[in-house]
Protein backbone atom coordinates (compact mmCIF):
# COMPACT_ATOMS: atom_id res chain seq x y z
CA MET A 1 0.29 0.04 0.28
CA MET A 2 1.16 3.21 -1.01
CA ILE A 3 1.67 6.37 1.54
CA ASN A 4 1.23 9.74 0.01
CA LYS A 5 3.84 12.28 0.99
CA GLN A 6 0.70 14.66 2.72
CA THR A 7 0.16 11.51 5.01
CA VAL A 8 4.13 11.10 5.48
CA LEU A 9 4.23 14.70 6.45
CA LEU A 10 1.30 15.24 8.76
CA PHE A 11 2.57 11.91 10.57
CA VAL A 12 6.44 13.31 10.86
CA VAL A 13 4.76 16.85 12.11
CA ALA A 14 2.60 15.02 14.34
CA SER A 15 5.67 13.15 15.24
CA ALA A 16 7.44 16.07 16.19
CA LEU A 17 4.88 17.55 18.34
CA LEU A 18 4.36 14.36 20.16
CA LEU A 19 6.55 11.88 20.14
CA ASN A 20 8.37 12.26 23.30
CA SER A 21 5.04 12.26 25.69
CA VAL A 22 6.55 13.16 29.37
CA GLN A 23 4.54 12.97 32.55
CA GLY A 24 6.32 13.81 35.99
CA LEU A 25 5.21 14.45 39.21
CA GLY A 26 6.54 14.60 42.36
CA PHE A 27 5.18 12.41 45.86
CA LYS A 28 5.81 11.75 49.40
CA VAL A 29 6.53 7.29 50.07
CA PRO A 30 5.96 7.12 53.98
CA ALA A 31 7.83 4.57 56.21
CA LYS A 32 7.19 1.42 55.82
CA GLU A 33 5.17 1.65 52.47
CA GLU A 34 5.39 1.20 48.68
CA GLN A 35 4.20 3.62 46.18
CA CYS A 36 3.44 2.64 42.26
CA ILE A 37 2.88 4.31 39.42
CA TYR A 38 1.07 2.76 36.64
CA GLU A 39 1.01 3.34 33.53
CA ASP A 40 -0.42 2.24 29.86
CA ILE A 41 2.46 1.07 27.36
CA ALA A 42 2.21 -0.09 24.13
CA GLN A 43 4.19 -2.84 22.55
CA ASP A 44 7.62 -2.06 21.18
CA ALA A 45 7.76 1.74 22.75
CA ILE A 46 10.61 3.09 24.18
CA PHE A 47 9.97 4.81 27.12
CA THR A 48 12.73 6.69 30.31
CA ALA A 49 11.94 7.04 33.93
CA MET A 50 13.61 9.26 35.69
CA PHE A 51 13.66 9.85 39.22
CA GLN A 52 15.49 12.00 41.76
CA VAL A 53 15.12 11.56 46.09
CA VAL A 54 15.01 15.04 46.75
CA ALA A 55 13.95 15.14 50.65
CA GLY A 56 14.18 12.18 53.71
CA GLY A 57 17.02 10.39 55.34
CA PHE A 58 20.16 9.82 53.22
CA ASN A 59 18.19 10.06 50.06
CA ASP A 60 17.45 6.60 49.14
CA ILE A 61 14.82 4.16 47.84
CA ASP A 62 13.99 1.06 45.89
CA PHE A 63 13.00 1.22 42.70
CA THR A 64 11.39 -1.32 40.76
CA ILE A 65 9.85 -1.45 36.94
CA ILE A 66 7.21 -4.60 36.48
CA SER A 67 6.15 -5.53 33.06
CA PRO A 68 2.46 -6.17 32.45
CA ASP A 69 2.94 -9.98 32.73
CA LYS A 70 4.02 -9.41 36.15
CA ARG A 71 7.92 -10.29 35.39
CA VAL A 72 10.77 -7.79 37.31
CA ASP A 73 12.02 -5.33 34.15
CA TYR A 74 14.31 -3.94 36.51
CA GLN A 75 14.83 -3.35 40.06
CA GLY A 76 17.52 -1.36 42.06
CA THR A 77 17.97 -0.69 45.60
CA ARG A 78 18.96 2.04 48.32
CA GLU A 79 19.17 4.30 44.80
CA SER A 80 19.05 8.39 45.11
CA GLU A 81 18.60 9.06 41.56
CA GLY A 82 18.36 6.84 38.33
CA LYS A 83 17.38 7.31 34.51
CA ILE A 84 16.32 3.77 32.87
CA THR A 85 15.18 3.67 29.05
CA ARG A 86 13.62 0.10 28.19
CA ARG A 87 11.43 -1.09 25.16
CA SER A 88 8.02 -2.37 25.73
CA ASN A 89 7.83 -6.44 24.86
CA TYR A 90 4.64 -6.02 26.34
CA PRO A 91 1.61 -4.37 25.36
CA GLY A 92 -0.97 -3.13 29.19
CA VAL A 93 -0.12 -1.51 32.36
CA TYR A 94 3.75 -1.13 33.43
CA SER A 95 3.90 -0.50 37.32
CA PHE A 96 6.96 1.83 38.90
CA CYS A 97 7.02 1.07 42.06
CA PHE A 98 9.20 3.12 44.68
CA SER A 99 9.68 1.80 48.25
CA ASN A 100 10.65 2.70 51.77
CA LYS A 101 9.90 -0.56 54.22
CA MET A 102 13.65 -0.62 54.60
CA SER A 103 12.93 3.29 56.81
CA SER A 104 11.50 2.43 59.92
CA LEU A 105 10.49 6.71 60.76
CA THR A 106 11.42 8.82 57.68
CA ASP A 107 9.42 9.56 54.77
CA LYS A 108 11.18 10.26 51.17
CA THR A 109 9.99 12.92 48.95
CA VAL A 110 10.49 11.73 44.88
CA SER A 111 10.26 13.55 42.15
CA PHE A 112 9.49 11.40 38.91
CA LYS A 113 9.16 11.82 35.32
CA LEU A 114 8.10 9.13 32.68
CA SER A 115 9.25 10.05 28.52
CA LEU A 116 7.12 7.65 26.47
CA GLY A 117 8.55 7.81 22.97
CA ASP A 118 7.36 6.66 19.70
CA ASP A 119 8.67 3.98 17.92
CA SER A 120 5.42 2.07 16.63
CA PRO A 121 5.63 -0.62 14.08
CA MET A 122 3.55 1.98 11.53
CA ARG A 123 6.60 4.57 11.90
CA ARG A 124 9.10 1.69 11.45
CA GLU A 125 7.62 1.74 8.53
CA ILE A 126 6.93 4.99 6.90
CA ALA A 127 10.77 5.36 7.45
CA LYS A 128 11.51 2.50 6.04
CA LYS A 129 14.21 3.10 2.29
CA GLY A 130 11.52 4.32 -0.21
CA ASP A 131 9.03 5.22 1.84
CA VAL A 132 10.13 8.98 2.52
CA SER A 133 12.41 11.42 1.06
CA PRO A 134 15.79 12.51 2.37
CA LEU A 135 14.08 15.54 3.79
CA GLU A 136 11.36 14.03 5.63
CA ARG A 137 14.18 11.34 6.87
CA SER A 138 16.14 14.43 8.21
CA ILE A 139 13.12 15.33 9.69
CA MET A 140 12.35 12.10 11.61
CA LEU A 141 15.95 11.97 12.70
CA LEU A 142 16.05 15.88 14.26
CA SER A 143 12.73 15.43 15.73
CA ASP A 144 14.31 12.00 17.77
CA GLY A 145 17.14 14.63 18.32
CA VAL A 146 15.13 17.20 19.97
CA ASN A 147 13.26 14.62 21.65
CA ALA A 148 16.27 13.11 23.07
CA VAL A 149 17.74 16.66 24.37
CA LYS A 150 14.44 17.06 26.10
CA ALA A 151 14.47 14.14 28.14
CA GLU A 152 18.23 15.03 28.90
CA GLN A 153 17.03 18.33 29.97
CA ASP A 154 14.20 16.70 31.85
CA TYR A 155 17.00 14.27 34.13
CA PHE A 156 19.13 17.24 34.83
CA ARG A 157 16.38 19.58 36.03
CA ILE A 158 15.42 16.82 38.63
CA ARG A 159 19.16 16.57 39.33
CA GLU A 160 19.54 20.69 39.75
CA ALA A 161 16.24 20.52 42.24
CA TYR A 162 18.28 17.93 44.01
CA HIS A 163 21.13 19.40 44.25
CA ARG A 164 19.17 22.74 45.39
CA ASN A 165 17.35 21.01 47.92
CA THR A 166 20.65 20.03 49.73
CA ALA A 167 22.28 23.13 49.62
CA GLU A 168 19.07 24.78 51.15
CA SER A 169 19.51 22.39 53.68
CA THR A 170 22.87 22.82 54.40
CA ASN A 171 22.90 26.27 54.58
CA SER A 172 19.75 26.01 57.17
CA ARG A 173 21.73 23.92 59.07
CA VAL A 174 25.04 26.16 59.13
CA LEU A 175 22.45 29.19 60.04
CA TRP A 176 20.76 27.57 63.31
CA TRP A 177 24.60 25.57 64.33
CA SER A 178 25.84 29.66 64.03
CA VAL A 179 22.65 31.10 65.89
CA PHE A 180 23.51 28.37 68.47
CA GLU A 181 27.50 29.05 68.49
CA ALA A 182 26.41 32.53 69.26
CA PHE A 183 23.75 31.72 72.57
CA VAL A 184 26.50 29.69 74.24
CA LEU A 185 29.11 32.28 73.40
CA LEU A 186 27.55 35.07 75.09
CA SER A 187 25.83 32.39 77.80
CA MET A 188 29.51 32.41 78.42
CA SER A 189 30.68 36.00 78.65
CA ILE A 190 28.00 36.83 80.55
CA TRP A 191 28.58 33.96 82.98
CA GLN A 192 32.19 34.40 83.45
CA ILE A 193 31.21 38.52 84.03
CA TYR A 194 29.23 37.68 86.47
CA TYR A 195 32.19 35.41 88.10
CA LEU A 196 35.17 37.36 87.75
CA LYS A 197 33.05 40.32 89.67
CA ARG A 198 32.06 38.02 92.25
CA PHE A 199 35.74 37.25 92.73
CA PHE A 200 37.03 40.62 92.79
CA GLU A 201 34.10 41.70 95.12
CA VAL A 202 35.58 42.82 98.64
CA LYS A 203 33.92 41.04 101.25
CA ARG A 204 32.92 43.28 104.64
CA ALA A 205 33.07 41.80 107.61
CA VAL A 206 29.74 42.67 109.43
């Protein structure tokens, strides 16, 4: 079946706009609990899961990807951040689970983004040699490159947020420690003045 150029160009433009669907969210994982995010993914689609533990304890968490056939596609323990790219072998609902069961008291705050690429059979079919012109093929390659750059930007944006939170937390601790030191020094100075004043007082007999 022949595919006319207008259809190809329309598909390419749509791919350029929608090729990389990105979903991002932040949430808390309570201590001794596990939370999962579910996403329906088509077969042979490329997806990238990016996450960062932005607050809580040692900023670590267990991360697992479970495919629709209940097989563990990826499993990481005590990770602070990660970027995992996979191709879906089965269509259906994939589970992206964050487990904080190793922590008995501390909740963890997680930033998570899921990037869904388009590598459908239709796109591969029209990309075969002879189906598209060199210009159209270049547009497809450019679209893939732009989406790859966007995915990298999303990943580094998560990393920047993590390091910013770490810096702000460190600055806050240094500030309160400095206030505590100033309070201790002031208290010691007042006590020393009072003690030395009493030491040099002349006691008179009544």
